[in-house]
Amino acid sequence: MSKQTQAIVEIKINNQSYKISCENGEQDHIKKLSQIINEEVEGLVSSLGQIGDNRLLLMASLIIADRIYSKQNYSNKIDDNEYGSLLEIIKKATKRIELVADKLV
C-alpha cells in the first residue's frame, strides 16, 4: 500500500484566496468544486451585494445542497421530459431562498 502525499491547492471564493490541503492528485477536482461554489456566491453578490463572506458561503451551501438533495430524490423518478420541469422547480426554490435572505439583511 502506498501512502498518498498531501498537496496544497489555492482556490478563490468571492475574490478571497484560500489554501486547501488535499490528497495529491485531487487539486483539479478541488478547483472545479470551488468554481461551483464561487459561481453561486457571485450570483448572490450580484443580487444581494456583499453581505459578508460567512453569510454568502452559508447561502451558497444551502442552494447547492438543495440542488443535490432534489436531484437525489428525483433522479430515479424523472425522464428527459420532466428534467426541464425539475430545473424550473430548482430555480423557483433558489428564488425563494434569495427572498428569505433579502429579509435577513
PDB file of N, CA and C in Angstrom:
ATOM      1  N   MET A   1       0.843  -1.168   0.000  1.00  0.00           N
ATOM      2  CA  MET A   1       0.000   0.000   0.000  1.00  0.00           C
ATOM      3  C   MET A   1       0.891   1.235   0.000  1.00  0.00           C
ATOM      4  N   SER A   2       0.649   2.142  -0.933  1.00  0.00           N
ATOM      5  CA  SER A   2       1.449   3.363  -0.988  1.00  0.00           C
ATOM      6  C   SER A   2       0.733   4.478  -0.246  1.00  0.00           C
ATOM      7  N   LYS A   3       1.506   5.226   0.476  1.00  0.00           N
ATOM      8  CA  LYS A   3       0.954   6.342   1.242  1.00  0.00           C
ATOM      9  C   LYS A   3       0.826   7.559   0.331  1.00  0.00           C
ATOM     10  N   GLN A   4      -0.371   8.144   0.283  1.00  0.00           N
ATOM     11  CA  GLN A   4      -0.584   9.316  -0.546  1.00  0.00           C
ATOM     12  C   GLN A   4      -0.001  10.544   0.140  1.00  0.00           C
ATOM     13  N   THR A   5       0.533  11.435  -0.665  1.00  0.00           N
ATOM     14  CA  THR A   5       1.094  12.664  -0.117  1.00  0.00           C
ATOM     15  C   THR A   5       0.060  13.773  -0.169  1.00  0.00           C
ATOM     16  N   GLN A   6       0.214  14.706   0.726  1.00  0.00           N
ATOM     17  CA  GLN A   6      -0.684  15.847   0.791  1.00  0.00           C
ATOM     18  C   GLN A   6      -0.240  16.919  -0.200  1.00  0.00           C
ATOM     19  N   ALA A   7      -1.193  17.619  -0.727  1.00  0.00           N
ATOM     20  CA  ALA A   7      -0.926  18.729  -1.631  1.00  0.00           C
ATOM     21  C   ALA A   7      -1.698  19.941  -1.126  1.00  0.00           C
ATOM     22  N   ILE A   8      -1.271  21.096  -1.545  1.00  0.00           N
ATOM     23  CA  ILE A   8      -1.958  22.342  -1.217  1.00  0.00           C
ATOM     24  C   ILE A   8      -2.461  22.940  -2.522  1.00  0.00           C
ATOM     25  N   VAL A   9      -3.730  23.305  -2.545  1.00  0.00           N
ATOM     26  CA  VAL A   9      -4.306  23.946  -3.717  1.00  0.00           C
ATOM     27  C   VAL A   9      -4.879  25.285  -3.278  1.00  0.00           C
ATOM     28  N   GLU A  10      -4.658  26.306  -4.083  1.00  0.00           N
ATOM     29  CA  GLU A  10      -5.200  27.626  -3.775  1.00  0.00           C
ATOM     30  C   GLU A  10      -6.466  27.834  -4.590  1.00  0.00           C
ATOM     31  N   ILE A  11      -7.539  28.191  -3.885  1.00  0.00           N
ATOM     32  CA  ILE A  11      -8.817  28.462  -4.548  1.00  0.00           C
ATOM     33  C   ILE A  11      -9.217  29.897  -4.239  1.00  0.00           C
ATOM     34  N   LYS A  12     -10.176  30.397  -4.998  1.00  0.00           N
ATOM     35  CA  LYS A  12     -10.643  31.765  -4.800  1.00  0.00           C
ATOM     36  C   LYS A  12     -12.170  31.760  -4.756  1.00  0.00           C
ATOM     37  N   ILE A  13     -12.700  32.274  -3.665  1.00  0.00           N
ATOM     38  CA  ILE A  13     -14.142  32.419  -3.485  1.00  0.00           C
ATOM     39  C   ILE A  13     -14.405  33.869  -3.128  1.00  0.00           C
ATOM     40  N   ASN A  14     -15.256  34.538  -3.903  1.00  0.00           N
ATOM     41  CA  ASN A  14     -15.619  35.927  -3.646  1.00  0.00           C
ATOM     42  C   ASN A  14     -14.365  36.809  -3.553  1.00  0.00           C
ATOM     43  N   ASN A  15     -13.460  36.589  -4.478  1.00  0.00           N
ATOM     44  CA  ASN A  15     -12.193  37.326  -4.563  1.00  0.00           C
ATOM     45  C   ASN A  15     -11.312  37.165  -3.328  1.00  0.00           C
ATOM     46  N   GLN A  16     -11.549  36.140  -2.545  1.00  0.00           N
ATOM     47  CA  GLN A  16     -10.734  35.826  -1.377  1.00  0.00           C
ATOM     48  C   GLN A  16     -10.009  34.513  -1.648  1.00  0.00           C
ATOM     49  N   SER A  17      -8.689  34.503  -1.481  1.00  0.00           N
ATOM     50  CA  SER A  17      -7.901  33.296  -1.716  1.00  0.00           C
ATOM     51  C   SER A  17      -7.844  32.438  -0.464  1.00  0.00           C
ATOM     52  N   TYR A  18      -7.941  31.125  -0.681  1.00  0.00           N
ATOM     53  CA  TYR A  18      -7.853  30.147   0.392  1.00  0.00           C
ATOM     54  C   TYR A  18      -6.903  29.045  -0.043  1.00  0.00           C
ATOM     55  N   LYS A  19      -6.086  28.577   0.879  1.00  0.00           N
ATOM     56  CA  LYS A  19      -5.229  27.431   0.620  1.00  0.00           C
ATOM     57  C   LYS A  19      -5.855  26.228   1.302  1.00  0.00           C
ATOM     58  N   ILE A  20      -6.080  25.184   0.500  1.00  0.00           N
ATOM     59  CA  ILE A  20      -6.764  23.991   0.972  1.00  0.00           C
ATOM     60  C   ILE A  20      -5.830  22.797   0.838  1.00  0.00           C
ATOM     61  N   SER A  21      -5.763  21.990   1.871  1.00  0.00           N
ATOM     62  CA  SER A  21      -4.977  20.761   1.834  1.00  0.00           C
ATOM     63  C   SER A  21      -5.840  19.643   1.258  1.00  0.00           C
ATOM     64  N   CYS A  22      -5.245  18.833   0.397  1.00  0.00           N
ATOM     65  CA  CYS A  22      -5.962  17.714  -0.198  1.00  0.00           C
ATOM     66  C   CYS A  22      -4.961  16.613  -0.536  1.00  0.00           C
ATOM     67  N   GLU A  23      -5.478  15.473  -0.921  1.00  0.00           N
ATOM     68  CA  GLU A  23      -4.611  14.388  -1.355  1.00  0.00           C
ATOM     69  C   GLU A  23      -3.969  14.779  -2.680  1.00  0.00           C
ATOM     70  N   ASN A  24      -2.741  14.385  -2.864  1.00  0.00           N
ATOM     71  CA  ASN A  24      -2.047  14.665  -4.115  1.00  0.00           C
ATOM     72  C   ASN A  24      -2.845  14.061  -5.270  1.00  0.00           C
ATOM     73  N   GLY A  25      -3.063  14.840  -6.298  1.00  0.00           N
ATOM     74  CA  GLY A  25      -3.847  14.395  -7.448  1.00  0.00           C
ATOM     75  C   GLY A  25      -5.284  14.888  -7.421  1.00  0.00           C
ATOM     76  N   GLU A  26      -5.750  15.404  -6.291  1.00  0.00           N
ATOM     77  CA  GLU A  26      -7.121  15.899  -6.178  1.00  0.00           C
ATOM     78  C   GLU A  26      -7.230  17.400  -6.425  1.00  0.00           C
ATOM     79  N   GLN A  27      -6.133  18.044  -6.767  1.00  0.00           N
ATOM     80  CA  GLN A  27      -6.127  19.503  -6.902  1.00  0.00           C
ATOM     81  C   GLN A  27      -7.142  19.989  -7.933  1.00  0.00           C
ATOM     82  N   ASP A  28      -7.178  19.369  -9.105  1.00  0.00           N
ATOM     83  CA  ASP A  28      -8.117  19.804 -10.144  1.00  0.00           C
ATOM     84  C   ASP A  28      -9.569  19.628  -9.694  1.00  0.00           C
ATOM     85  N   HIS A  29      -9.842  18.540  -9.000  1.00  0.00           N
ATOM     86  CA  HIS A  29     -11.200  18.295  -8.510  1.00  0.00           C
ATOM     87  C   HIS A  29     -11.609  19.368  -7.503  1.00  0.00           C
ATOM     88  N   ILE A  30     -10.709  19.705  -6.592  1.00  0.00           N
ATOM     89  CA  ILE A  30     -10.989  20.750  -5.600  1.00  0.00           C
ATOM     90  C   ILE A  30     -11.224  22.087  -6.300  1.00  0.00           C
ATOM     91  N   LYS A  31     -10.429  22.398  -7.320  1.00  0.00           N
ATOM     92  CA  LYS A  31     -10.607  23.651  -8.061  1.00  0.00           C
ATOM     93  C   LYS A  31     -11.965  23.686  -8.750  1.00  0.00           C
ATOM     94  N   LYS A  32     -12.401  22.569  -9.342  1.00  0.00           N
ATOM     95  CA  LYS A  32     -13.710  22.523 -10.002  1.00  0.00           C
ATOM     96  C   LYS A  32     -14.835  22.729  -8.989  1.00  0.00           C
ATOM     97  N   LEU A  33     -14.717  22.089  -7.834  1.00  0.00           N
ATOM     98  CA  LEU A  33     -15.731  22.269  -6.792  1.00  0.00           C
ATOM     99  C   LEU A  33     -15.778  23.720  -6.327  1.00  0.00           C
ATOM    100  N   SER A  34     -14.605  24.325  -6.170  1.00  0.00           N
ATOM    101  CA  SER A  34     -14.566  25.714  -5.718  1.00  0.00           C
ATOM    102  C   SER A  34     -15.176  26.653  -6.761  1.00  0.00           C
ATOM    103  N   GLN A  35     -15.057  26.304  -8.031  1.00  0.00           N
ATOM    104  CA  GLN A  35     -15.671  27.122  -9.083  1.00  0.00           C
ATOM    105  C   GLN A  35     -17.189  27.087  -8.978  1.00  0.00           C
ATOM    106  N   ILE A  36     -17.738  25.927  -8.647  1.00  0.00           N
ATOM    107  CA  ILE A  36     -19.191  25.811  -8.465  1.00  0.00           C
ATOM    108  C   ILE A  36     -19.633  26.709  -7.310  1.00  0.00           C
ATOM    109  N   ILE A  37     -18.911  26.643  -6.207  1.00  0.00           N
ATOM    110  CA  ILE A  37     -19.236  27.468  -5.040  1.00  0.00           C
ATOM    111  C   ILE A  37     -19.109  28.943  -5.384  1.00  0.00           C
ATOM    112  N   ASN A  38     -18.024  29.305  -6.059  1.00  0.00           N
ATOM    113  CA  ASN A  38     -17.804  30.711  -6.402  1.00  0.00           C
ATOM    114  C   ASN A  38     -18.892  31.237  -7.328  1.00  0.00           C
ATOM    115  N   GLU A  39     -19.352  30.427  -8.264  1.00  0.00           N
ATOM    116  CA  GLU A  39     -20.431  30.865  -9.156  1.00  0.00           C
ATOM    117  C   GLU A  39     -21.698  31.180  -8.361  1.00  0.00           C
ATOM    118  N   GLU A  40     -22.011  30.340  -7.377  1.00  0.00           N
ATOM    119  CA  GLU A  40     -23.185  30.603  -6.539  1.00  0.00           C
ATOM    120  C   GLU A  40     -22.997  31.878  -5.732  1.00  0.00           C
ATOM    121  N   VAL A  41     -21.809  32.038  -5.155  1.00  0.00           N
ATOM    122  CA  VAL A  41     -21.528  33.235  -4.360  1.00  0.00           C
ATOM    123  C   VAL A  41     -21.615  34.477  -5.235  1.00  0.00           C
ATOM    124  N   GLU A  42     -21.049  34.429  -6.427  1.00  0.00           N
ATOM    125  CA  GLU A  42     -21.114  35.584  -7.331  1.00  0.00           C
ATOM    126  C   GLU A  42     -22.552  35.927  -7.676  1.00  0.00           C
ATOM    127  N   GLY A  43     -23.388  34.920  -7.886  1.00  0.00           N
ATOM    128  CA  GLY A  43     -24.802  35.168  -8.158  1.00  0.00           C
ATOM    129  C   GLY A  43     -25.486  35.846  -6.981  1.00  0.00           C
ATOM    130  N   LEU A  44     -25.157  35.393  -5.784  1.00  0.00           N
ATOM    131  CA  LEU A  44     -25.729  36.018  -4.594  1.00  0.00           C
ATOM    132  C   LEU A  44     -25.247  37.450  -4.432  1.00  0.00           C
ATOM    133  N   VAL A  45     -23.964  37.674  -4.675  1.00  0.00           N
ATOM    134  CA  VAL A  45     -23.405  39.031  -4.562  1.00  0.00           C
ATOM    135  C   VAL A  45     -24.089  39.955  -5.560  1.00  0.00           C
ATOM    136  N   SER A  46     -24.347  39.456  -6.769  1.00  0.00           N
ATOM    137  CA  SER A  46     -24.978  40.318  -7.775  1.00  0.00           C
ATOM    138  C   SER A  46     -26.409  40.679  -7.400  1.00  0.00           C
ATOM    139  N   SER A  47     -27.088  39.797  -6.652  1.00  0.00           N
ATOM    140  CA  SER A  47     -28.467  40.115  -6.277  1.00  0.00           C
ATOM    141  C   SER A  47     -28.585  40.725  -4.879  1.00  0.00           C
ATOM    142  N   LEU A  48     -27.652  40.389  -3.974  1.00  0.00           N
ATOM    143  CA  LEU A  48     -27.760  40.866  -2.600  1.00  0.00           C
ATOM    144  C   LEU A  48     -26.684  41.864  -2.197  1.00  0.00           C
ATOM    145  N   GLY A  49     -25.573  41.870  -2.936  1.00  0.00           N
ATOM    146  CA  GLY A  49     -24.435  42.693  -2.560  1.00  0.00           C
ATOM    147  C   GLY A  49     -23.510  41.922  -1.634  1.00  0.00           C
ATOM    148  N   GLN A  50     -22.481  42.594  -1.173  1.00  0.00           N
ATOM    149  CA  GLN A  50     -21.510  41.979  -0.262  1.00  0.00           C
ATOM    150  C   GLN A  50     -22.098  41.987   1.147  1.00  0.00           C
ATOM    151  N   ILE A  51     -22.682  40.884   1.541  1.00  0.00           N
ATOM    152  CA  ILE A  51     -23.348  40.795   2.845  1.00  0.00           C
ATOM    153  C   ILE A  51     -22.509  40.025   3.861  1.00  0.00           C
ATOM    154  N   GLY A  52     -21.249  39.790   3.538  1.00  0.00           N
ATOM    155  CA  GLY A  52     -20.351  39.073   4.446  1.00  0.00           C
ATOM    156  C   GLY A  52     -20.052  37.685   3.926  1.00  0.00           C
ATOM    157  N   ASP A  53     -18.783  37.314   4.000  1.00  0.00           N
ATOM    158  CA  ASP A  53     -18.360  36.016   3.472  1.00  0.00           C
ATOM    159  C   ASP A  53     -19.083  34.848   4.132  1.00  0.00           C
ATOM    160  N   ASN A  54     -19.243  34.904   5.446  1.00  0.00           N
ATOM    161  CA  ASN A  54     -19.898  33.786   6.133  1.00  0.00           C
ATOM    162  C   ASN A  54     -21.325  33.584   5.648  1.00  0.00           C
ATOM    163  N   ARG A  55     -22.064  34.667   5.566  1.00  0.00           N
ATOM    164  CA  ARG A  55     -23.462  34.564   5.116  1.00  0.00           C
ATOM    165  C   ARG A  55     -23.536  34.114   3.659  1.00  0.00           C
ATOM    166  N   LEU A  56     -22.661  34.662   2.815  1.00  0.00           N
ATOM    167  CA  LEU A  56     -22.654  34.265   1.402  1.00  0.00           C
ATOM    168  C   LEU A  56     -22.319  32.787   1.238  1.00  0.00           C
ATOM    169  N   LEU A  57     -21.314  32.313   1.966  1.00  0.00           N
ATOM    170  CA  LEU A  57     -20.943  30.903   1.866  1.00  0.00           C
ATOM    171  C   LEU A  57     -22.044  29.999   2.410  1.00  0.00           C
ATOM    172  N   LEU A  58     -22.694  30.420   3.485  1.00  0.00           N
ATOM    173  CA  LEU A  58     -23.804  29.640   4.034  1.00  0.00           C
ATOM    174  C   LEU A  58     -24.943  29.547   3.029  1.00  0.00           C
ATOM    175  N   MET A  59     -25.318  30.670   2.448  1.00  0.00           N
ATOM    176  CA  MET A  59     -26.417  30.676   1.484  1.00  0.00           C
ATOM    177  C   MET A  59     -26.071  29.861   0.245  1.00  0.00           C
ATOM    178  N   ALA A  60     -24.843  29.997  -0.255  1.00  0.00           N
ATOM    179  CA  ALA A  60     -24.414  29.213  -1.417  1.00  0.00           C
ATOM    180  C   ALA A  60     -24.439  27.726  -1.093  1.00  0.00           C
ATOM    181  N   SER A  61     -24.016  27.372   0.107  1.00  0.00           N
ATOM    182  CA  SER A  61     -24.024  25.965   0.524  1.00  0.00           C
ATOM    183  C   SER A  61     -25.444  25.418   0.566  1.00  0.00           C
ATOM    184  N   LEU A  62     -26.374  26.217   1.083  1.00  0.00           N
ATOM    185  CA  LEU A  62     -27.767  25.779   1.137  1.00  0.00           C
ATOM    186  C   LEU A  62     -28.348  25.579  -0.257  1.00  0.00           C
ATOM    187  N   ILE A  63     -28.039  26.481  -1.168  1.00  0.00           N
ATOM    188  CA  ILE A  63     -28.538  26.363  -2.540  1.00  0.00           C
ATOM    189  C   ILE A  63     -27.981  25.104  -3.199  1.00  0.00           C
ATOM    190  N   ILE A  64     -26.684  24.880  -3.060  1.00  0.00           N
ATOM    191  CA  ILE A  64     -26.053  23.700  -3.662  1.00  0.00           C
ATOM    192  C   ILE A  64     -26.593  22.424  -3.026  1.00  0.00           C
ATOM    193  N   ALA A  65     -26.732  22.416  -1.698  1.00  0.00           N
ATOM    194  CA  ALA A  65     -27.266  21.241  -1.004  1.00  0.00           C
ATOM    195  C   ALA A  65     -28.692  20.958  -1.448  1.00  0.00           C
ATOM    196  N   ASP A  66     -29.495  22.005  -1.649  1.00  0.00           N
ATOM    197  CA  ASP A  66     -30.873  21.841  -2.113  1.00  0.00           C
ATOM    198  C   ASP A  66     -30.896  21.191  -3.494  1.00  0.00           C
ATOM    199  N   ARG A  67     -30.011  21.626  -4.364  1.00  0.00           N
ATOM    200  CA  ARG A  67     -29.949  21.036  -5.706  1.00  0.00           C
ATOM    201  C   ARG A  67     -29.552  19.569  -5.648  1.00  0.00           C
ATOM    202  N   ILE A  68     -28.580  19.250  -4.817  1.00  0.00           N
ATOM    203  CA  ILE A  68     -28.142  17.855  -4.686  1.00  0.00           C
ATOM    204  C   ILE A  68     -29.272  17.011  -4.102  1.00  0.00           C
ATOM    205  N   TYR A  69     -29.898  17.514  -3.050  1.00  0.00           N
ATOM    206  CA  TYR A  69     -30.990  16.796  -2.403  1.00  0.00           C
ATOM    207  C   TYR A  69     -32.140  16.555  -3.381  1.00  0.00           C
ATOM    208  N   SER A  70     -32.501  17.596  -4.109  1.00  0.00           N
ATOM    209  CA  SER A  70     -33.589  17.467  -5.078  1.00  0.00           C
ATOM    210  C   SER A  70     -33.239  16.458  -6.150  1.00  0.00           C
ATOM    211  N   LYS A  71     -32.022  16.501  -6.634  1.00  0.00           N
ATOM    212  CA  LYS A  71     -31.603  15.570  -7.686  1.00  0.00           C
ATOM    213  C   LYS A  71     -31.627  14.138  -7.174  1.00  0.00           C
ATOM    214  N   GLN A  72     -31.154  13.902  -5.952  1.00  0.00           N
ATOM    215  CA  GLN A  72     -31.146  12.553  -5.402  1.00  0.00           C
ATOM    216  C   GLN A  72     -32.556  12.024  -5.227  1.00  0.00           C
ATOM    217  N   ASN A  73     -33.467  12.873  -4.788  1.00  0.00           N
ATOM    218  CA  ASN A  73     -34.839  12.439  -4.553  1.00  0.00           C
ATOM    219  C   ASN A  73     -35.609  12.198  -5.843  1.00  0.00           C
ATOM    220  N   TYR A  74     -35.244  12.897  -6.905  1.00  0.00           N
ATOM    221  CA  TYR A  74     -35.995  12.788  -8.140  1.00  0.00           C
ATOM    222  C   TYR A  74     -35.256  12.034  -9.246  1.00  0.00           C
ATOM    223  N   SER A  75     -33.994  11.712  -9.049  1.00  0.00           N
ATOM    224  CA  SER A  75     -33.196  11.135 -10.132  1.00  0.00           C
ATOM    225  C   SER A  75     -33.751   9.814 -10.629  1.00  0.00           C
ATOM    226  N   ASN A  76     -34.346   9.027  -9.768  1.00  0.00           N
ATOM    227  CA  ASN A  76     -34.888   7.740 -10.194  1.00  0.00           C
ATOM    228  C   ASN A  76     -36.319   7.849 -10.705  1.00  0.00           C
ATOM    229  N   LYS A  77     -36.916   9.022 -10.580  1.00  0.00           N
ATOM    230  CA  LYS A  77     -38.322   9.187 -10.909  1.00  0.00           C
ATOM    231  C   LYS A  77     -38.582  10.025 -12.158  1.00  0.00           C
ATOM    232  N   ILE A  78     -37.565  10.673 -12.699  1.00  0.00           N
ATOM    233  CA  ILE A  78     -37.827  11.583 -13.817  1.00  0.00           C
ATOM    234  C   ILE A  78     -37.289  11.022 -15.117  1.00  0.00           C
ATOM    235  N   ASP A  79     -37.912  11.441 -16.188  1.00  0.00           N
ATOM    236  CA  ASP A  79     -37.387  11.131 -17.507  1.00  0.00           C
ATOM    237  C   ASP A  79     -36.952  12.443 -18.160  1.00  0.00           C
ATOM    238  N   ASP A  80     -36.505  12.382 -19.397  1.00  0.00           N
ATOM    239  CA  ASP A  80     -35.985  13.577 -20.063  1.00  0.00           C
ATOM    240  C   ASP A  80     -37.027  14.682 -20.167  1.00  0.00           C
ATOM    241  N   ASN A  81     -38.293  14.334 -20.344  1.00  0.00           N
ATOM    242  CA  ASN A  81     -39.343  15.350 -20.471  1.00  0.00           C
ATOM    243  C   ASN A  81     -39.570  16.098 -19.163  1.00  0.00           C
ATOM    244  N   GLU A  82     -39.371  15.413 -18.042  1.00  0.00           N
ATOM    245  CA  GLU A  82     -39.589  16.029 -16.747  1.00  0.00           C
ATOM    246  C   GLU A  82     -38.375  16.811 -16.262  1.00  0.00           C
ATOM    247  N   TYR A  83     -37.226  16.613 -16.908  1.00  0.00           N
ATOM    248  CA  TYR A  83     -35.999  17.273 -16.482  1.00  0.00           C
ATOM    249  C   TYR A  83     -36.146  18.793 -16.506  1.00  0.00           C
ATOM    250  N   GLY A  84     -36.763  19.342 -17.567  1.00  0.00           N
ATOM    251  CA  GLY A  84     -36.981  20.785 -17.660  1.00  0.00           C
ATOM    252  C   GLY A  84     -37.845  21.293 -16.526  1.00  0.00           C
ATOM    253  N   SER A  85     -38.857  20.527 -16.161  1.00  0.00           N
ATOM    254  CA  SER A  85     -39.723  20.913 -15.041  1.00  0.00           C
ATOM    255  C   SER A  85     -38.940  20.938 -13.734  1.00  0.00           C
ATOM    256  N   LEU A  86     -38.057  19.968 -13.560  1.00  0.00           N
ATOM    257  CA  LEU A  86     -37.236  19.928 -12.357  1.00  0.00           C
ATOM    258  C   LEU A  86     -36.337  21.154 -12.277  1.00  0.00           C
ATOM    259  N   LEU A  87     -35.771  21.556 -13.391  1.00  0.00           N
ATOM    260  CA  LEU A  87     -34.936  22.753 -13.392  1.00  0.00           C
ATOM    261  C   LEU A  87     -35.733  23.981 -12.995  1.00  0.00           C
ATOM    262  N   GLU A  88     -36.973  24.061 -13.454  1.00  0.00           N
ATOM    263  CA  GLU A  88     -37.830  25.192 -13.074  1.00  0.00           C
ATOM    264  C   GLU A  88     -38.107  25.184 -11.576  1.00  0.00           C
ATOM    265  N   ILE A  89     -38.335  24.001 -11.018  1.00  0.00           N
ATOM    266  CA  ILE A  89     -38.574  23.879  -9.584  1.00  0.00           C
ATOM    267  C   ILE A  89     -37.355  24.367  -8.808  1.00  0.00           C
ATOM    268  N   ILE A  90     -36.165  23.976  -9.252  1.00  0.00           N
ATOM    269  CA  ILE A  90     -34.929  24.387  -8.590  1.00  0.00           C
ATOM    270  C   ILE A  90     -34.771  25.895  -8.676  1.00  0.00           C
ATOM    271  N   LYS A  91     -35.060  26.468  -9.845  1.00  0.00           N
ATOM    272  CA  LYS A  91     -34.957  27.915  -9.999  1.00  0.00           C
ATOM    273  C   LYS A  91     -35.918  28.638  -9.056  1.00  0.00           C
ATOM    274  N   LYS A  92     -37.135  28.119  -8.935  1.00  0.00           N
ATOM    275  CA  LYS A  92     -38.110  28.735  -8.037  1.00  0.00           C
ATOM    276  C   LYS A  92     -37.664  28.615  -6.581  1.00  0.00           C
ATOM    277  N   ALA A  93     -37.115  27.452  -6.217  1.00  0.00           N
ATOM    278  CA  ALA A  93     -36.626  27.264  -4.848  1.00  0.00           C
ATOM    279  C   ALA A  93     -35.481  28.225  -4.556  1.00  0.00           C
ATOM    280  N   THR A  94     -34.602  28.401  -5.527  1.00  0.00           N
ATOM    281  CA  THR A  94     -33.479  29.329  -5.362  1.00  0.00           C
ATOM    282  C   THR A  94     -33.998  30.743  -5.157  1.00  0.00           C
ATOM    283  N   LYS A  95     -34.988  31.154  -5.929  1.00  0.00           N
ATOM    284  CA  LYS A  95     -35.577  32.488  -5.777  1.00  0.00           C
ATOM    285  C   LYS A  95     -36.189  32.657  -4.385  1.00  0.00           C
ATOM    286  N   ARG A  96     -36.877  31.608  -3.892  1.00  0.00           N
ATOM    287  CA  ARG A  96     -37.472  31.692  -2.555  1.00  0.00           C
ATOM    288  C   ARG A  96     -36.392  31.852  -1.493  1.00  0.00           C
ATOM    289  N   ILE A  97     -35.291  31.108  -1.634  1.00  0.00           N
ATOM    290  CA  ILE A  97     -34.184  31.224  -0.678  1.00  0.00           C
ATOM    291  C   ILE A  97     -33.612  32.634  -0.721  1.00  0.00           C
ATOM    292  N   GLU A  98     -33.469  33.187  -1.924  1.00  0.00           N
ATOM    293  CA  GLU A  98     -32.941  34.539  -2.060  1.00  0.00           C
ATOM    294  C   GLU A  98     -33.888  35.567  -1.445  1.00  0.00           C
ATOM    295  N   LEU A  99     -35.198  35.381  -1.589  1.00  0.00           N
ATOM    296  CA  LEU A  99     -36.155  36.294  -0.984  1.00  0.00           C
ATOM    297  C   LEU A  99     -36.073  36.253   0.545  1.00  0.00           C
ATOM    298  N   VAL A 100     -35.928  35.060   1.092  1.00  0.00           N
ATOM    299  CA  VAL A 100     -35.770  34.934   2.532  1.00  0.00           C
ATOM    300  C   VAL A 100     -34.471  35.612   2.961  1.00  0.00           C
ATOM    301  N   ALA A 101     -33.417  35.419   2.189  1.00  0.00           N
ATOM    302  CA  ALA A 101     -32.123  36.026   2.510  1.00  0.00           C
ATOM    303  C   ALA A 101     -32.221  37.552   2.488  1.00  0.00           C
ATOM    304  N   ASP A 102     -33.003  38.097   1.551  1.00  0.00           N
ATOM    305  CA  ASP A 102     -33.198  39.552   1.486  1.00  0.00           C
ATOM    306  C   ASP A 102     -33.809  40.071   2.781  1.00  0.00           C
ATOM    307  N   LYS A 103     -34.697  39.298   3.357  1.00  0.00           N
ATOM    308  CA  LYS A 103     -35.361  39.722   4.590  1.00  0.00           C
ATOM    309  C   LYS A 103     -34.398  39.643   5.777  1.00  0.00           C
ATOM    310  N   LEU A 104     -33.369  38.798   5.672  1.00  0.00           N
ATOM    311  CA  LEU A 104     -32.396  38.665   6.761  1.00  0.00           C
ATOM    312  C   LEU A 104     -31.407  39.814   6.792  1.00  0.00           C
ATOM    313  N   VAL A 105     -31.231  40.460   5.649  1.00  0.00           N
ATOM    314  CA  VAL A 105     -30.219  41.522   5.547  1.00  0.00           C
ATOM    315  C   VAL A 105     -30.637  42.744   6.300  1.00  0.00           C
TER     316      VAL A 105
END
